[in-house]
PDB file of all heavy atoms in Angstrom:
ATOM      1  N   CYS A   1       2.432  14.438   9.239  1.00  0.00           N
ATOM      2  CA  CYS A   1       2.040  14.524   7.828  1.00  0.00           C
ATOM      3  C   CYS A   1       2.615  15.703   7.045  1.00  0.00           C
ATOM      4  O   CYS A   1       2.421  15.767   5.830  1.00  0.00           O
ATOM      5  CB  CYS A   1       0.526  14.550   7.732  1.00  0.00           C
ATOM      6  SG  CYS A   1      -0.252  13.031   8.314  1.00  0.00           S
ATOM      7  N   ASP A   2       3.272  16.656   7.665  1.00  0.00           N
ATOM      8  CA  ASP A   2       3.889  17.785   6.969  1.00  0.00           C
ATOM      9  C   ASP A   2       2.913  18.474   6.012  1.00  0.00           C
ATOM     10  O   ASP A   2       3.233  18.780   4.869  1.00  0.00           O
ATOM     11  CB  ASP A   2       5.140  17.331   6.210  1.00  0.00           C
ATOM     12  CG  ASP A   2       5.996  18.494   5.697  1.00  0.00           C
ATOM     13  OD1 ASP A   2       5.904  19.593   6.264  1.00  0.00           O
ATOM     14  OD2 ASP A   2       6.756  18.295   4.731  1.00  0.00           O
ATOM     15  N   GLY A   3       1.673  18.681   6.465  1.00  0.00           N
ATOM     16  CA  GLY A   3       0.688  19.392   5.659  1.00  0.00           C
ATOM     17  C   GLY A   3      -0.054  18.546   4.644  1.00  0.00           C
ATOM     18  O   GLY A   3      -0.926  19.050   3.945  1.00  0.00           O
ATOM     19  N   THR A   4       0.262  17.269   4.543  1.00  0.00           N
ATOM     20  CA  THR A   4      -0.420  16.375   3.607  1.00  0.00           C
ATOM     21  C   THR A   4      -1.789  16.009   4.166  1.00  0.00           C
ATOM     22  O   THR A   4      -1.924  15.735   5.353  1.00  0.00           O
ATOM     23  CB  THR A   4       0.413  15.100   3.395  1.00  0.00           C
ATOM     24  OG1 THR A   4       1.692  15.478   2.878  1.00  0.00           O
ATOM     25  CG2 THR A   4      -0.256  14.137   2.425  1.00  0.00           C
ATOM     26  N   GLU A   5      -2.808  16.009   3.310  1.00  0.00           N
ATOM     27  CA  GLU A   5      -4.168  15.643   3.709  1.00  0.00           C
ATOM     28  C   GLU A   5      -4.142  14.274   4.400  1.00  0.00           C
ATOM     29  O   GLU A   5      -3.411  13.377   3.980  1.00  0.00           O
ATOM     30  CB  GLU A   5      -5.050  15.643   2.453  1.00  0.00           C
ATOM     31  CG  GLU A   5      -6.516  15.396   2.688  1.00  0.00           C
ATOM     32  CD  GLU A   5      -6.876  13.931   2.572  1.00  0.00           C
ATOM     33  OE1 GLU A   5      -6.282  13.237   1.746  1.00  0.00           O
ATOM     34  OE2 GLU A   5      -7.748  13.497   3.337  1.00  0.00           O
ATOM     35  N   LEU A   6      -4.914  14.112   5.477  1.00  0.00           N
ATOM     36  CA  LEU A   6      -4.812  12.952   6.351  1.00  0.00           C
ATOM     37  C   LEU A   6      -4.998  11.621   5.624  1.00  0.00           C
ATOM     38  O   LEU A   6      -4.212  10.693   5.836  1.00  0.00           O
ATOM     39  CB  LEU A   6      -5.797  13.061   7.519  1.00  0.00           C
ATOM     40  CG  LEU A   6      -5.722  11.925   8.534  1.00  0.00           C
ATOM     41  CD1 LEU A   6      -4.335  11.820   9.157  1.00  0.00           C
ATOM     42  CD2 LEU A   6      -6.791  12.091   9.595  1.00  0.00           C
ATOM     43  N   ALA A   7      -6.006  11.478   4.786  1.00  0.00           N
ATOM     44  CA  ALA A   7      -6.233  10.196   4.110  1.00  0.00           C
ATOM     45  C   ALA A   7      -5.042   9.828   3.226  1.00  0.00           C
ATOM     46  O   ALA A   7      -4.616   8.675   3.196  1.00  0.00           O
ATOM     47  CB  ALA A   7      -7.517  10.244   3.286  1.00  0.00           C
ATOM     48  N   LEU A   8      -4.505  10.803   2.508  1.00  0.00           N
ATOM     49  CA  LEU A   8      -3.337  10.555   1.661  1.00  0.00           C
ATOM     50  C   LEU A   8      -2.125  10.255   2.530  1.00  0.00           C
ATOM     51  O   LEU A   8      -1.344   9.348   2.235  1.00  0.00           O
ATOM     52  CB  LEU A   8      -3.077  11.748   0.738  1.00  0.00           C
ATOM     53  CG  LEU A   8      -1.869  11.650  -0.183  1.00  0.00           C
ATOM     54  CD1 LEU A   8      -1.946  10.402  -1.061  1.00  0.00           C
ATOM     55  CD2 LEU A   8      -1.769  12.909  -1.043  1.00  0.00           C
ATOM     56  N   CYS A   9      -1.957  10.996   3.610  1.00  0.00           N
ATOM     57  CA  CYS A   9      -0.847  10.766   4.540  1.00  0.00           C
ATOM     58  C   CYS A   9      -0.888   9.334   5.075  1.00  0.00           C
ATOM     59  O   CYS A   9       0.129   8.645   5.128  1.00  0.00           O
ATOM     60  CB  CYS A   9      -0.925  11.766   5.677  1.00  0.00           C
ATOM     61  SG  CYS A   9       0.380  11.604   6.911  1.00  0.00           S
ATOM     62  N   GLN A  10      -2.069   8.885   5.470  1.00  0.00           N
ATOM     63  CA  GLN A  10      -2.209   7.521   5.983  1.00  0.00           C
ATOM     64  C   GLN A  10      -1.889   6.484   4.909  1.00  0.00           C
ATOM     65  O   GLN A  10      -1.253   5.471   5.191  1.00  0.00           O
ATOM     66  CB  GLN A  10      -3.619   7.302   6.527  1.00  0.00           C
ATOM     67  CG  GLN A  10      -3.866   8.068   7.800  1.00  0.00           C
ATOM     68  CD  GLN A  10      -5.308   7.982   8.252  1.00  0.00           C
ATOM     69  OE1 GLN A  10      -6.220   7.829   7.443  1.00  0.00           O
ATOM     70  NE2 GLN A  10      -5.507   8.078   9.556  1.00  0.00           N
ATOM     71  N   ALA A  11      -2.300   6.745   3.662  1.00  0.00           N
ATOM     72  CA  ALA A  11      -2.001   5.820   2.572  1.00  0.00           C
ATOM     73  C   ALA A  11      -0.502   5.739   2.318  1.00  0.00           C
ATOM     74  O   ALA A  11       0.056   4.650   2.135  1.00  0.00           O
ATOM     75  CB  ALA A  11      -2.749   6.236   1.307  1.00  0.00           C
ATOM     76  N   VAL A  12       0.162   6.894   2.315  1.00  0.00           N
ATOM     77  CA  VAL A  12       1.616   6.924   2.119  1.00  0.00           C
ATOM     78  C   VAL A  12       2.311   6.195   3.267  1.00  0.00           C
ATOM     79  O   VAL A  12       3.211   5.381   3.049  1.00  0.00           O
ATOM     80  CB  VAL A  12       2.122   8.382   1.995  1.00  0.00           C
ATOM     81  CG1 VAL A  12       3.639   8.450   2.044  1.00  0.00           C
ATOM     82  CG2 VAL A  12       1.609   9.010   0.700  1.00  0.00           C
ATOM     83  N   ALA A  13       1.881   6.455   4.486  1.00  0.00           N
ATOM     84  CA  ALA A  13       2.487   5.816   5.653  1.00  0.00           C
ATOM     85  C   ALA A  13       2.295   4.306   5.630  1.00  0.00           C
ATOM     86  O   ALA A  13       3.219   3.548   5.912  1.00  0.00           O
ATOM     87  CB  ALA A  13       1.916   6.407   6.932  1.00  0.00           C
ATOM     88  N   ARG A  14       1.094   3.856   5.282  1.00  0.00           N
ATOM     89  CA  ARG A  14       0.833   2.420   5.245  1.00  0.00           C
ATOM     90  C   ARG A  14       1.709   1.745   4.192  1.00  0.00           C
ATOM     91  O   ARG A  14       2.252   0.667   4.428  1.00  0.00           O
ATOM     92  CB  ARG A  14      -0.632   2.124   4.980  1.00  0.00           C
ATOM     93  CG  ARG A  14      -0.884   0.620   5.079  1.00  0.00           C
ATOM     94  CD  ARG A  14      -2.304   0.237   5.256  1.00  0.00           C
ATOM     95  NE  ARG A  14      -2.893   0.453   6.537  1.00  0.00           N
ATOM     96  CZ  ARG A  14      -2.650  -0.258   7.639  1.00  0.00           C
ATOM     97  NH1 ARG A  14      -1.726  -1.184   7.624  1.00  0.00           N
ATOM     98  NH2 ARG A  14      -3.295  -0.033   8.746  1.00  0.00           N
ATOM     99  N   LEU A  15       1.881   2.377   3.028  1.00  0.00           N
ATOM    100  CA  LEU A  15       2.754   1.826   2.002  1.00  0.00           C
ATOM    101  C   LEU A  15       4.191   1.760   2.518  1.00  0.00           C
ATOM    102  O   LEU A  15       4.877   0.756   2.338  1.00  0.00           O
ATOM    103  CB  LEU A  15       2.678   2.660   0.718  1.00  0.00           C
ATOM    104  CG  LEU A  15       3.567   2.203  -0.433  1.00  0.00           C
ATOM    105  CD1 LEU A  15       3.251   0.774  -0.852  1.00  0.00           C
ATOM    106  CD2 LEU A  15       3.417   3.158  -1.605  1.00  0.00           C
ATOM    107  N   ALA A  16       4.638   2.812   3.186  1.00  0.00           N
ATOM    108  CA  ALA A  16       5.999   2.835   3.730  1.00  0.00           C
ATOM    109  C   ALA A  16       6.191   1.732   4.760  1.00  0.00           C
ATOM    110  O   ALA A  16       7.194   1.011   4.731  1.00  0.00           O
ATOM    111  CB  ALA A  16       6.282   4.199   4.350  1.00  0.00           C
ATOM    112  N   VAL A  17       5.243   1.581   5.661  1.00  0.00           N
ATOM    113  CA  VAL A  17       5.349   0.546   6.694  1.00  0.00           C
ATOM    114  C   VAL A  17       5.365  -0.843   6.053  1.00  0.00           C
ATOM    115  O   VAL A  17       6.085  -1.731   6.505  1.00  0.00           O
ATOM    116  CB  VAL A  17       4.212   0.682   7.734  1.00  0.00           C
ATOM    117  CG1 VAL A  17       4.127  -0.530   8.638  1.00  0.00           C
ATOM    118  CG2 VAL A  17       4.414   1.955   8.555  1.00  0.00           C
ATOM    119  N   SER A  18       4.627  -1.011   4.959  1.00  0.00           N
ATOM    120  CA  SER A  18       4.593  -2.325   4.292  1.00  0.00           C
ATOM    121  C   SER A  18       5.954  -2.698   3.706  1.00  0.00           C
ATOM    122  O   SER A  18       6.220  -3.869   3.454  1.00  0.00           O
ATOM    123  CB  SER A  18       3.527  -2.343   3.192  1.00  0.00           C
ATOM    124  OG  SER A  18       3.960  -1.648   2.035  1.00  0.00           O
ATOM    125  N   ARG A  19       6.829  -1.712   3.488  1.00  0.00           N
ATOM    126  CA  ARG A  19       8.169  -1.969   2.956  1.00  0.00           C
ATOM    127  C   ARG A  19       9.180  -2.323   4.042  1.00  0.00           C
ATOM    128  O   ARG A  19      10.311  -2.693   3.741  1.00  0.00           O
ATOM    129  CB  ARG A  19       8.682  -0.750   2.189  1.00  0.00           C
ATOM    130  CG  ARG A  19       7.875  -0.429   0.968  1.00  0.00           C
ATOM    131  CD  ARG A  19       7.940  -1.582  -0.006  1.00  0.00           C
ATOM    132  NE  ARG A  19       7.202  -1.273  -1.202  1.00  0.00           N
ATOM    133  CZ  ARG A  19       7.650  -1.523  -2.412  1.00  0.00           C
ATOM    134  NH1 ARG A  19       8.813  -2.084  -2.591  1.00  0.00           N
ATOM    135  NH2 ARG A  19       6.916  -1.233  -3.448  1.00  0.00           N
ATOM    136  N   MET A  20       8.787  -2.184   5.296  1.00  0.00           N
ATOM    137  CA  MET A  20       9.709  -2.423   6.406  1.00  0.00           C
ATOM    138  C   MET A  20       9.688  -3.900   6.815  1.00  0.00           C
ATOM    139  O   MET A  20       8.678  -4.576   6.688  1.00  0.00           O
ATOM    140  CB  MET A  20       9.305  -1.568   7.615  1.00  0.00           C
ATOM    141  CG  MET A  20       9.324  -0.079   7.357  1.00  0.00           C
ATOM    142  SD  MET A  20      10.936   0.576   6.920  1.00  0.00           S
ATOM    143  CE  MET A  20      11.801   0.348   8.463  1.00  0.00           C
ATOM    144  N   ASN A  21      10.806  -4.368   7.324  1.00  0.00           N
ATOM    145  CA  ASN A  21      10.895  -5.710   7.896  1.00  0.00           C
ATOM    146  C   ASN A  21      10.494  -5.574   9.360  1.00  0.00           C
ATOM    147  O   ASN A  21      11.308  -5.238  10.216  1.00  0.00           O
ATOM    148  CB  ASN A  21      12.317  -6.244   7.762  1.00  0.00           C
ATOM    149  CG  ASN A  21      12.499  -7.592   8.406  1.00  0.00           C
ATOM    150  OD1 ASN A  21      11.639  -8.074   9.143  1.00  0.00           O
ATOM    151  ND2 ASN A  21      13.637  -8.217   8.150  1.00  0.00           N
ATOM    152  N   LEU A  22       9.232  -5.818   9.654  1.00  0.00           N
ATOM    153  CA  LEU A  22       8.713  -5.584  10.996  1.00  0.00           C
ATOM    154  C   LEU A  22       9.330  -6.516  12.035  1.00  0.00           C
ATOM    155  O   LEU A  22       9.388  -6.173  13.216  1.00  0.00           O
ATOM    156  CB  LEU A  22       7.193  -5.679  11.003  1.00  0.00           C
ATOM    157  CG  LEU A  22       6.489  -4.630  10.137  1.00  0.00           C
ATOM    158  CD1 LEU A  22       4.985  -4.805  10.202  1.00  0.00           C
ATOM    159  CD2 LEU A  22       6.889  -3.226  10.527  1.00  0.00           C
ATOM    160  N   ALA A  23       9.836  -7.660  11.608  1.00  0.00           N
ATOM    161  CA  ALA A  23      10.527  -8.543  12.549  1.00  0.00           C
ATOM    162  C   ALA A  23      11.810  -7.880  13.042  1.00  0.00           C
ATOM    163  O   ALA A  23      12.203  -8.040  14.188  1.00  0.00           O
ATOM    164  CB  ALA A  23      10.831  -9.886  11.894  1.00  0.00           C
ATOM    165  N   ALA A  24      12.457  -7.107  12.180  1.00  0.00           N
ATOM    166  CA  ALA A  24      13.696  -6.425  12.554  1.00  0.00           C
ATOM    167  C   ALA A  24      13.432  -5.114  13.282  1.00  0.00           C
ATOM    168  O   ALA A  24      14.127  -4.782  14.236  1.00  0.00           O
ATOM    169  CB  ALA A  24      14.548  -6.162  11.319  1.00  0.00           C
ATOM    170  N   THR A  25      12.436  -4.359  12.827  1.00  0.00           N
ATOM    171  CA  THR A  25      12.193  -3.047  13.423  1.00  0.00           C
ATOM    172  C   THR A  25      11.482  -3.137  14.758  1.00  0.00           C
ATOM    173  O   THR A  25      11.613  -2.257  15.592  1.00  0.00           O
ATOM    174  CB  THR A  25      11.330  -2.144  12.521  1.00  0.00           C
ATOM    175  OG1 THR A  25      10.067  -2.743  12.335  1.00  0.00           O
ATOM    176  CG2 THR A  25      12.007  -1.859  11.213  1.00  0.00           C
ATOM    177  N   GLY A  26      10.710  -4.206  14.947  1.00  0.00           N
ATOM    178  CA  GLY A  26       9.835  -4.246  16.113  1.00  0.00           C
ATOM    179  C   GLY A  26       8.619  -3.386  15.834  1.00  0.00           C
ATOM    180  O   GLY A  26       8.433  -2.893  14.710  1.00  0.00           O
ATOM    181  N   PRO A  27       7.794  -3.175  16.836  1.00  0.00           N
ATOM    182  CA  PRO A  27       6.604  -2.340  16.626  1.00  0.00           C
ATOM    183  C   PRO A  27       6.998  -0.942  16.123  1.00  0.00           C
ATOM    184  O   PRO A  27       7.963  -0.353  16.594  1.00  0.00           O
ATOM    185  CB  PRO A  27       5.974  -2.264  18.015  1.00  0.00           C
ATOM    186  CG  PRO A  27       6.469  -3.494  18.720  1.00  0.00           C
ATOM    187  CD  PRO A  27       7.854  -3.730  18.181  1.00  0.00           C
ATOM    188  N   ILE A  28       6.233  -0.442  15.168  1.00  0.00           N
ATOM    189  CA  ILE A  28       6.484   0.888  14.616  1.00  0.00           C
ATOM    190  C   ILE A  28       6.041   1.929  15.639  1.00  0.00           C
ATOM    191  O   ILE A  28       4.937   1.857  16.174  1.00  0.00           O
ATOM    192  CB  ILE A  28       5.723   1.085  13.285  1.00  0.00           C
ATOM    193  CG1 ILE A  28       6.159   0.026  12.257  1.00  0.00           C
ATOM    194  CG2 ILE A  28       5.923   2.488  12.735  1.00  0.00           C
ATOM    195  CD1 ILE A  28       7.627   0.051  11.915  1.00  0.00           C
ATOM    196  N   THR A  29       6.912   2.887  15.906  1.00  0.00           N
ATOM    197  CA  THR A  29       6.602   3.920  16.890  1.00  0.00           C
ATOM    198  C   THR A  29       6.331   5.278  16.264  1.00  0.00           C
ATOM    199  O   THR A  29       5.681   6.118  16.889  1.00  0.00           O
ATOM    200  CB  THR A  29       7.748   4.066  17.911  1.00  0.00           C
ATOM    201  OG1 THR A  29       8.943   4.411  17.207  1.00  0.00           O
ATOM    202  CG2 THR A  29       7.962   2.769  18.674  1.00  0.00           C
ATOM    203  N   HIS A  30       6.827   5.512  15.045  1.00  0.00           N
ATOM    204  CA  HIS A  30       6.673   6.834  14.451  1.00  0.00           C
ATOM    205  C   HIS A  30       6.863   6.764  12.936  1.00  0.00           C
ATOM    206  O   HIS A  30       7.742   6.050  12.464  1.00  0.00           O
ATOM    207  CB  HIS A  30       7.728   7.781  15.038  1.00  0.00           C
ATOM    208  CG  HIS A  30       7.369   9.215  14.913  1.00  0.00           C
ATOM    209  ND1 HIS A  30       6.551   9.851  15.790  1.00  0.00           N
ATOM    210  CD2 HIS A  30       7.706  10.128  13.981  1.00  0.00           C
ATOM    211  CE1 HIS A  30       6.412  11.109  15.420  1.00  0.00           C
ATOM    212  NE2 HIS A  30       7.104  11.300  14.322  1.00  0.00           N
ATOM    213  N   VAL A  31       6.038   7.510  12.211  1.00  0.00           N
ATOM    214  CA  VAL A  31       6.207   7.673  10.767  1.00  0.00           C
ATOM    215  C   VAL A  31       6.140   9.168  10.465  1.00  0.00           C
ATOM    216  O   VAL A  31       5.197   9.847  10.870  1.00  0.00           O
ATOM    217  CB  VAL A  31       5.123   6.924   9.961  1.00  0.00           C
ATOM    218  CG1 VAL A  31       5.288   7.185   8.464  1.00  0.00           C
ATOM    219  CG2 VAL A  31       5.161   5.430  10.245  1.00  0.00           C
ATOM    220  N   THR A  32       7.156   9.668   9.775  1.00  0.00           N
ATOM    221  CA  THR A  32       7.222  11.087   9.424  1.00  0.00           C
ATOM    222  C   THR A  32       7.305  11.237   7.913  1.00  0.00           C
ATOM    223  O   THR A  32       8.175  10.641   7.279  1.00  0.00           O
ATOM    224  CB  THR A  32       8.455  11.750  10.064  1.00  0.00           C
ATOM    225  OG1 THR A  32       8.384  11.587  11.474  1.00  0.00           O
ATOM    226  CG2 THR A  32       8.520  13.223   9.720  1.00  0.00           C
ATOM    227  N   LEU A  33       6.391  12.025   7.349  1.00  0.00           N
ATOM    228  CA  LEU A  33       6.426  12.371   5.935  1.00  0.00           C
ATOM    229  C   LEU A  33       7.003  13.774   5.809  1.00  0.00           C
ATOM    230  O   LEU A  33       6.630  14.668   6.569  1.00  0.00           O
ATOM    231  CB  LEU A  33       5.021  12.398   5.344  1.00  0.00           C
ATOM    232  CG  LEU A  33       4.408  11.088   4.871  1.00  0.00           C
ATOM    233  CD1 LEU A  33       4.173  10.150   6.022  1.00  0.00           C
ATOM    234  CD2 LEU A  33       3.112  11.366   4.145  1.00  0.00           C
ATOM    235  N   THR A  34       7.891  13.951   4.858  1.00  0.00           N
ATOM    236  CA  THR A  34       8.412  15.269   4.529  1.00  0.00           C
ATOM    237  C   THR A  34       8.137  15.502   3.053  1.00  0.00           C
ATOM    238  O   THR A  34       8.611  14.740   2.204  1.00  0.00           O
ATOM    239  CB  THR A  34       9.927  15.360   4.802  1.00  0.00           C
ATOM    240  OG1 THR A  34      10.163  15.009   6.175  1.00  0.00           O
ATOM    241  CG2 THR A  34      10.450  16.754   4.523  1.00  0.00           C
ATOM    242  N   VAL A  35       7.332  16.512   2.767  1.00  0.00           N
ATOM    243  CA  VAL A  35       6.988  16.822   1.385  1.00  0.00           C
ATOM    244  C   VAL A  35       8.262  17.234   0.648  1.00  0.00           C
ATOM    245  O   VAL A  35       9.067  18.008   1.169  1.00  0.00           O
ATOM    246  CB  VAL A  35       5.943  17.957   1.319  1.00  0.00           C
ATOM    247  CG1 VAL A  35       5.673  18.366  -0.116  1.00  0.00           C
ATOM    248  CG2 VAL A  35       4.661  17.526   2.010  1.00  0.00           C
ATOM    249  N   GLY A  36       8.441  16.686  -0.539  1.00  0.00           N
ATOM    250  CA  GLY A  36       9.632  16.991  -1.308  1.00  0.00           C
ATOM    251  C   GLY A  36       9.318  17.440  -2.722  1.00  0.00           C
ATOM    252  O   GLY A  36       8.200  17.295  -3.194  1.00  0.00           O
ATOM    253  N   ASP A  37      10.303  17.948  -3.379  1.00  0.00           N
ATOM    254  CA  ASP A  37      10.212  18.360  -4.768  1.00  0.00           C
ATOM    255  C   ASP A  37      10.517  17.145  -5.640  1.00  0.00           C
ATOM    256  O   ASP A  37      11.597  16.567  -5.531  1.00  0.00           O
ATOM    257  CB  ASP A  37      11.221  19.481  -5.021  1.00  0.00           C
ATOM    258  CG  ASP A  37      11.246  19.891  -6.472  1.00  0.00           C
ATOM    259  OD1 ASP A  37      12.036  19.294  -7.243  1.00  0.00           O
ATOM    260  OD2 ASP A  37      10.480  20.797  -6.831  1.00  0.00           O
ATOM    261  N   CYS A  38       9.574  16.760  -6.483  1.00  0.00           N
ATOM    262  CA  CYS A  38       9.733  15.541  -7.285  1.00  0.00           C
ATOM    263  C   CYS A  38      10.920  15.626  -8.243  1.00  0.00           C
ATOM    264  O   CYS A  38      11.652  14.652  -8.415  1.00  0.00           O
ATOM    265  CB  CYS A  38       8.456  15.242  -8.054  1.00  0.00           C
ATOM    266  SG  CYS A  38       7.066  14.755  -7.007  1.00  0.00           S
ATOM    267  N   GLY A  39      11.132  16.773  -8.853  1.00  0.00           N
ATOM    268  CA  GLY A  39      12.265  16.925  -9.767  1.00  0.00           C
ATOM    269  C   GLY A  39      13.593  16.772  -9.046  1.00  0.00           C
ATOM    270  O   GLY A  39      14.506  16.101  -9.524  1.00  0.00           O
ATOM    271  N   ARG A  40      13.699  17.384  -7.889  1.00  0.00           N
ATOM    272  CA  ARG A  40      14.931  17.275  -7.100  1.00  0.00           C
ATOM    273  C   ARG A  40      15.145  15.833  -6.637  1.00  0.00           C
ATOM    274  O   ARG A  40      16.259  15.326  -6.674  1.00  0.00           O
ATOM    275  CB  ARG A  40      14.869  18.207  -5.901  1.00  0.00           C
ATOM    276  CG  ARG A  40      16.132  18.186  -5.082  1.00  0.00           C
ATOM    277  CD  ARG A  40      16.098  19.222  -4.020  1.00  0.00           C
ATOM    278  NE  ARG A  40      16.114  20.523  -4.696  1.00  0.00           N
ATOM    279  CZ  ARG A  40      16.084  21.678  -4.074  1.00  0.00           C
ATOM    280  NH1 ARG A  40      16.032  21.730  -2.777  1.00  0.00           N
ATOM    281  NH2 ARG A  40      16.099  22.804  -4.753  1.00  0.00           N
ATOM    282  N   LEU A  41      14.067  15.171  -6.222  1.00  0.00           N
ATOM    283  CA  LEU A  41      14.169  13.774  -5.805  1.00  0.00           C
ATOM    284  C   LEU A  41      14.649  12.901  -6.963  1.00  0.00           C
ATOM    285  O   LEU A  41      15.511  12.044  -6.790  1.00  0.00           O
ATOM    286  CB  LEU A  41      12.822  13.263  -5.293  1.00  0.00           C
ATOM    287  CG  LEU A  41      12.757  11.801  -4.893  1.00  0.00           C
ATOM    288  CD1 LEU A  41      13.645  11.526  -3.680  1.00  0.00           C
ATOM    289  CD2 LEU A  41      11.320  11.398  -4.593  1.00  0.00           C
ATOM    290  N   ALA A  42      14.119  13.145  -8.145  1.00  0.00           N
ATOM    291  CA  ALA A  42      14.521  12.365  -9.322  1.00  0.00           C
ATOM    292  C   ALA A  42      16.015  12.530  -9.595  1.00  0.00           C
ATOM    293  O   ALA A  42      16.713  11.555  -9.886  1.00  0.00           O
ATOM    294  CB  ALA A  42      13.708  12.791 -10.537  1.00  0.00           C
ATOM    295  N   ARG A  43      16.498  13.756  -9.491  1.00  0.00           N
ATOM    296  CA  ARG A  43      17.917  14.014  -9.767  1.00  0.00           C
ATOM    297  C   ARG A  43      18.830  13.492  -8.659  1.00  0.00           C
ATOM    298  O   ARG A  43      19.856  12.885  -8.941  1.00  0.00           O
ATOM    299  CB  ARG A  43      18.140  15.509  -9.966  1.00  0.00           C
ATOM    300  CG  ARG A  43      17.566  16.039 -11.263  1.00  0.00           C
ATOM    301  CD  ARG A  43      17.936  17.486 -11.503  1.00  0.00           C
ATOM    302  NE  ARG A  43      17.518  18.385 -10.434  1.00  0.00           N
ATOM    303  CZ  ARG A  43      16.316  18.946 -10.323  1.00  0.00           C
ATOM    304  NH1 ARG A  43      15.395  18.680 -11.238  1.00  0.00           N
ATOM    305  NH2 ARG A  43      16.032  19.770  -9.341  1.00  0.00           N
ATOM    306  N   SER A  44      18.466  13.721  -7.414  1.00  0.00           N
ATOM    307  CA  SER A  44      19.375  13.379  -6.312  1.00  0.00           C
ATOM    308  C   SER A  44      19.379  11.897  -5.980  1.00  0.00           C
ATOM    309  O   SER A  44      20.380  11.372  -5.510  1.00  0.00           O
ATOM    310  CB  SER A  44      19.025  14.181  -5.061  1.00  0.00           C
ATOM    311  OG  SER A  44      17.761  13.790  -4.562  1.00  0.00           O
TER     312      SER A  44
END
């Protein structure tokens, strides 16, 4: 979770997993969140 509160981390992870093609990935083994700067993300 990279310091993100657990409930929010789980919500972010669940949304991310919902975007994956689970037939292609197979069972999910790991989800990593890295906190980022929103302005930098918008630009890059």
